[in-house]
Amino acid sequence: MSKKKLQRQNKKHLRKVRQNKKAQLEEKIKNIDLPDGHEIKVSVLNITYDPMPASIEKELNKKDLKSLEDCYAIITTPSQRKHLQDTINLLEALKEKYQNTDRIYNYLGIAYGVNREPDKADAIKKEAYEKNPDYLFAKLAYAQVCIESRNYEEIPIIFNNQFDLPLLYPKRKKFHISEASSFYCIIGLYFCQTDNKTIAKTCLNTLQKIDAEKRYITSLKRCLAKKGLSNFLGKFK
């Protein structure tokens, strides 16, 4: 084999390796026009798996931050849930003290859900969204409430008619895996429930690429199955 031919093969191999590495962080979403005028545009998501930067350390004093972390541990540990009501009371007190701290609202909504108080959980999610409507997880939590209550007309308002993350947050260059997975799951559920199955399937395809733990895929698959798309779901084992 000639030296030039070997060099060309090496360059081709290196180019393929670089493309594969890039594909691990970038997910392309197909361009599809919707019958109601909505549109998901071609976008390249720059996804990171690194821990998300948090400003909560600056918002809470050390004692309250430790209390908040303890609350989350109790909420997410079944054996500790005998202390759940005390935890809810503490979270309510922290919410009054730090009225603009999103994580407190998140934990309180989860706590009410675990405590089988769905109305209070939904009210907290709506309050969190109203306090900070630009915060993605507040949008997603409230959107889920609206989907479950079939208040579908609220969804385009929540997301400003933008159903693609880079369009919703044009100044951001990178999104965490949890943000992208949660977003395309909720958007997929919305389009599934409103019978825009093509877009729902597009969201499922995207989740298939990025949701390694299949936490969000299951919810969307269940919705699509109810809509009679079991044949399509065969490849998502």
Protein backbone atom coordinates (compact mmCIF):
# COMPACT_ATOMS: atom_id res chain seq x y z
CA MET A 1 0.00 0.00 0.00
CA SER A 2 1.36 3.37 -0.99
CA LYS A 3 2.18 6.00 1.62
CA LYS A 4 -0.38 8.46 0.20
CA LYS A 5 -3.15 5.86 0.24
CA LEU A 6 -2.33 4.97 3.84
CA GLN A 7 -2.45 8.64 4.81
CA ARG A 8 -5.88 9.03 3.16
CA GLN A 9 -7.20 6.02 5.04
CA ASN A 10 -5.85 7.37 8.33
CA LYS A 11 -7.47 10.77 7.72
CA LYS A 12 -10.76 9.07 6.88
CA HIS A 13 -10.59 7.01 10.07
CA LEU A 14 -9.81 10.05 12.23
CA ARG A 15 -12.65 12.00 10.64
CA LYS A 16 -15.07 9.16 11.45
CA VAL A 17 -13.84 9.02 15.05
CA ARG A 18 -14.35 12.78 15.45
CA GLN A 19 -17.84 12.53 14.00
CA ASN A 20 -18.76 9.71 16.37
CA LYS A 21 -17.53 11.70 19.37
CA LYS A 22 -19.47 14.75 18.25
CA ALA A 23 -22.61 12.66 17.81
CA GLN A 24 -22.48 11.66 21.47
CA LEU A 25 -23.19 15.26 22.49
CA GLU A 26 -25.27 16.50 19.56
CA GLU A 27 -28.74 15.28 18.67
CA LYS A 28 -30.43 16.38 15.48
CA ILE A 29 -34.18 16.84 15.46
CA LYS A 30 -36.05 16.41 12.23
CA ASN A 31 -37.85 19.38 10.67
CA ILE A 32 -41.62 18.75 10.60
CA ASP A 33 -44.47 21.20 10.01
CA LEU A 34 -47.56 20.70 12.13
CA PRO A 35 -51.12 21.09 10.86
CA ASP A 36 -51.92 23.69 13.53
CA GLY A 37 -49.03 25.94 12.58
CA HIS A 38 -46.54 24.80 15.20
CA GLU A 39 -43.13 23.77 13.98
CA ILE A 40 -40.15 21.87 15.32
CA LYS A 41 -37.12 23.16 13.47
CA VAL A 42 -33.86 21.41 12.70
CA SER A 43 -31.66 22.01 15.70
CA VAL A 44 -28.43 20.63 17.04
CA LEU A 45 -28.55 20.10 20.77
CA ASN A 46 -25.28 20.50 22.61
CA ILE A 47 -25.94 18.14 25.50
CA THR A 48 -23.77 17.86 28.58
CA TYR A 49 -23.73 15.15 31.23
CA ASP A 50 -21.67 17.23 33.65
CA PRO A 51 -23.30 18.37 36.92
CA MET A 52 -25.46 21.44 36.45
CA PRO A 53 -24.09 24.66 37.95
CA ALA A 54 -26.13 25.70 40.97
CA SER A 55 -26.61 29.11 42.53
CA ILE A 56 -28.51 27.74 45.52
CA GLU A 57 -25.39 27.85 47.69
CA LYS A 58 -25.53 31.63 47.37
CA GLU A 59 -29.28 31.81 48.05
CA LEU A 60 -29.48 29.78 51.29
CA ASN A 61 -27.40 29.91 54.44
CA LYS A 62 -25.45 26.75 55.29
CA LYS A 63 -27.94 25.53 57.90
CA ASP A 64 -30.94 25.87 55.60
CA LEU A 65 -29.05 24.33 52.69
CA LYS A 66 -28.28 21.29 54.85
CA SER A 67 -31.94 21.11 55.91
CA LEU A 68 -33.02 21.22 52.26
CA GLU A 69 -30.66 18.38 51.37
CA ASP A 70 -32.00 16.34 54.31
CA CYS A 71 -35.56 16.97 53.09
CA TYR A 72 -34.74 15.57 49.66
CA ALA A 73 -33.15 12.49 51.22
CA ILE A 74 -36.33 11.82 53.22
CA ILE A 75 -38.61 12.41 50.22
CA THR A 76 -36.66 9.98 48.03
CA THR A 77 -36.07 7.26 50.64
CA PRO A 78 -39.17 5.10 51.27
CA SER A 79 -37.97 3.95 54.68
CA GLN A 80 -37.74 7.58 55.84
CA ARG A 81 -41.21 8.64 54.75
CA LYS A 82 -42.64 8.33 58.25
CA HIS A 83 -41.07 11.79 58.64
CA LEU A 84 -42.74 13.08 55.48
CA GLN A 85 -45.24 15.45 57.11
CA ASP A 86 -42.51 17.07 59.22
CA THR A 87 -40.48 17.42 56.02
CA ILE A 88 -43.38 19.11 54.23
CA ASN A 89 -43.77 21.54 57.13
CA LEU A 90 -40.08 22.39 56.98
CA LEU A 91 -40.18 22.88 53.20
CA GLU A 92 -43.19 25.18 53.57
CA ALA A 93 -41.23 27.24 56.10
CA LEU A 94 -38.22 27.39 53.76
CA LYS A 95 -40.51 28.47 50.91
CA GLU A 96 -41.76 31.38 52.97
CA LYS A 97 -38.20 32.37 53.83
CA TYR A 98 -36.78 31.93 50.31
CA GLN A 99 -39.67 32.70 48.00
CA ASN A 100 -37.63 32.73 44.80
CA THR A 101 -35.62 29.54 45.27
CA ASP A 102 -36.83 27.12 42.60
CA ARG A 103 -35.44 23.96 44.19
CA ILE A 104 -37.58 24.38 47.30
CA TYR A 105 -40.70 24.46 45.13
CA ASN A 106 -39.48 21.39 43.25
CA TYR A 107 -38.95 19.40 46.43
CA LEU A 108 -42.23 20.54 47.95
CA GLY A 109 -44.16 19.50 44.85
CA ILE A 110 -42.50 16.08 44.97
CA ALA A 111 -43.20 15.76 48.69
CA TYR A 112 -46.91 16.48 48.27
CA GLY A 113 -47.06 13.98 45.44
CA VAL A 114 -45.40 11.27 47.53
CA ASN A 115 -47.78 12.14 50.39
CA ARG A 116 -50.73 11.55 48.04
CA GLU A 117 -51.87 15.14 48.04
CA PRO A 118 -52.09 15.79 44.28
CA ASP A 119 -54.06 19.02 44.54
CA LYS A 120 -51.42 20.59 46.76
CA ALA A 121 -48.65 19.26 44.52
CA ASP A 122 -50.31 20.81 41.46
CA ALA A 123 -50.83 24.12 43.26
CA ILE A 124 -47.14 24.29 44.19
CA LYS A 125 -46.11 23.57 40.60
CA LYS A 126 -48.38 26.32 39.31
CA GLU A 127 -47.07 28.74 41.95
CA ALA A 128 -43.48 27.91 41.02
CA TYR A 129 -44.21 28.61 37.35
CA GLU A 130 -45.91 31.91 38.16
CA LYS A 131 -42.95 32.94 40.33
CA ASN A 132 -40.38 32.13 37.66
CA PRO A 133 -41.97 31.43 34.25
CA ASP A 134 -38.59 31.39 32.48
CA TYR A 135 -37.23 28.50 34.58
CA LEU A 136 -37.33 25.35 32.43
CA PHE A 137 -38.17 22.86 35.17
CA ALA A 138 -40.98 25.12 36.43
CA LYS A 139 -42.36 25.19 32.89
CA LEU A 140 -42.13 21.41 32.60
CA ALA A 141 -43.74 20.70 35.98
CA TYR A 142 -46.66 23.02 35.30
CA ALA A 143 -47.01 21.70 31.74
CA GLN A 144 -47.36 18.20 33.14
CA VAL A 145 -50.13 19.42 35.43
CA CYS A 146 -51.92 20.95 32.43
CA ILE A 147 -51.53 17.78 30.35
CA GLU A 148 -52.89 15.59 33.14
CA SER A 149 -55.87 17.93 33.58
CA ARG A 150 -56.34 18.11 29.77
CA ASN A 151 -55.76 21.85 29.81
CA TYR A 152 -53.91 21.56 26.51
CA GLU A 153 -54.45 25.15 25.35
CA GLU A 154 -52.11 26.29 28.13
CA ILE A 155 -49.09 24.40 26.75
CA PRO A 156 -48.23 26.76 23.83
CA ILE A 157 -48.44 29.67 26.27
CA ILE A 158 -46.05 28.01 28.72
CA PHE A 159 -43.48 27.39 26.00
CA ASN A 160 -44.07 30.59 24.03
CA ASN A 161 -45.01 28.51 20.99
CA GLN A 162 -41.42 27.23 20.87
CA PHE A 163 -41.17 23.45 20.95
CA ASP A 164 -37.43 23.20 20.43
CA LEU A 165 -34.99 23.91 23.27
CA PRO A 166 -32.58 26.16 21.33
CA LEU A 167 -35.51 28.26 20.15
CA LEU A 168 -36.96 28.49 23.64
CA TYR A 169 -33.59 29.56 25.08
CA PRO A 170 -31.68 31.11 22.15
CA LYS A 171 -28.93 32.56 24.36
CA ARG A 172 -27.96 29.20 25.78
CA LYS A 173 -25.28 27.13 24.08
CA LYS A 174 -25.59 23.96 26.15
CA PHE A 175 -28.31 21.91 27.86
CA HIS A 176 -28.05 19.30 30.57
CA ILE A 177 -29.22 15.76 29.75
CA SER A 178 -31.99 16.03 32.38
CA GLU A 179 -33.27 19.23 30.77
CA ALA A 180 -33.36 17.77 27.27
CA SER A 181 -34.90 14.45 28.34
CA SER A 182 -37.61 16.10 30.47
CA PHE A 183 -38.40 18.65 27.77
CA TYR A 184 -38.86 16.22 24.87
CA CYS A 185 -40.86 13.85 27.08
CA ILE A 186 -43.35 16.58 28.06
CA ILE A 187 -43.53 17.97 24.53
CA GLY A 188 -44.03 14.44 23.19
CA LEU A 189 -46.85 13.79 25.67
CA TYR A 190 -48.54 17.04 24.67
CA PHE A 191 -48.44 16.22 20.97
CA CYS A 192 -49.50 12.63 21.65
CA GLN A 193 -52.52 13.69 23.67
CA THR A 194 -53.52 16.26 21.04
CA ASP A 195 -53.21 13.63 18.27
CA ASN A 196 -50.12 15.07 16.60
CA LYS A 197 -48.59 11.61 16.52
CA THR A 198 -45.87 12.46 14.01
CA ILE A 199 -44.28 14.98 16.36
CA ALA A 200 -44.78 12.67 19.34
CA LYS A 201 -42.84 9.97 17.46
CA THR A 202 -40.11 12.49 16.64
CA CYS A 203 -39.77 13.24 20.36
CA LEU A 204 -39.62 9.51 21.11
CA ASN A 205 -36.86 9.08 18.52
CA THR A 206 -34.93 11.89 20.21
CA LEU A 207 -35.38 10.35 23.66
CA GLN A 208 -34.21 7.02 22.32
CA LYS A 209 -30.88 8.67 21.53
CA ILE A 210 -30.36 10.55 24.78
CA ASP A 211 -32.38 8.82 27.52
CA ALA A 212 -30.05 5.93 28.35
CA GLU A 213 -31.96 5.01 31.53
CA LYS A 214 -35.28 5.02 29.64
CA ARG A 215 -36.94 6.97 32.46
CA TYR A 216 -38.79 9.26 30.07
CA ILE A 217 -39.21 6.89 27.14
CA THR A 218 -41.60 4.69 29.13
CA SER A 219 -44.12 7.48 29.75
CA LEU A 220 -44.21 8.52 26.11
CA LYS A 221 -44.38 4.92 24.88
CA ARG A 222 -47.38 4.30 27.12
CA CYS A 223 -49.17 7.33 25.67
CA LEU A 224 -48.43 6.34 22.08
CA ALA A 225 -49.56 2.76 22.74
CA LYS A 226 -52.93 4.07 23.93
CA LYS A 227 -53.16 5.95 20.63
CA GLY A 228 -52.81 2.69 18.69
CA LEU A 229 -49.17 2.93 17.66
CA SER A 230 -47.98 -0.40 19.06
CA ASN A 231 -46.42 -1.41 15.72
CA PHE A 232 -44.23 1.70 15.69
CA LEU A 233 -43.14 1.02 19.27
CA GLY A 234 -41.79 -2.42 18.38
CA LYS A 235 -38.28 -1.06 17.81
CA PHE A 236 -38.17 0.66 21.21
CA LYS A 237 -37.51 -2.35 23.44
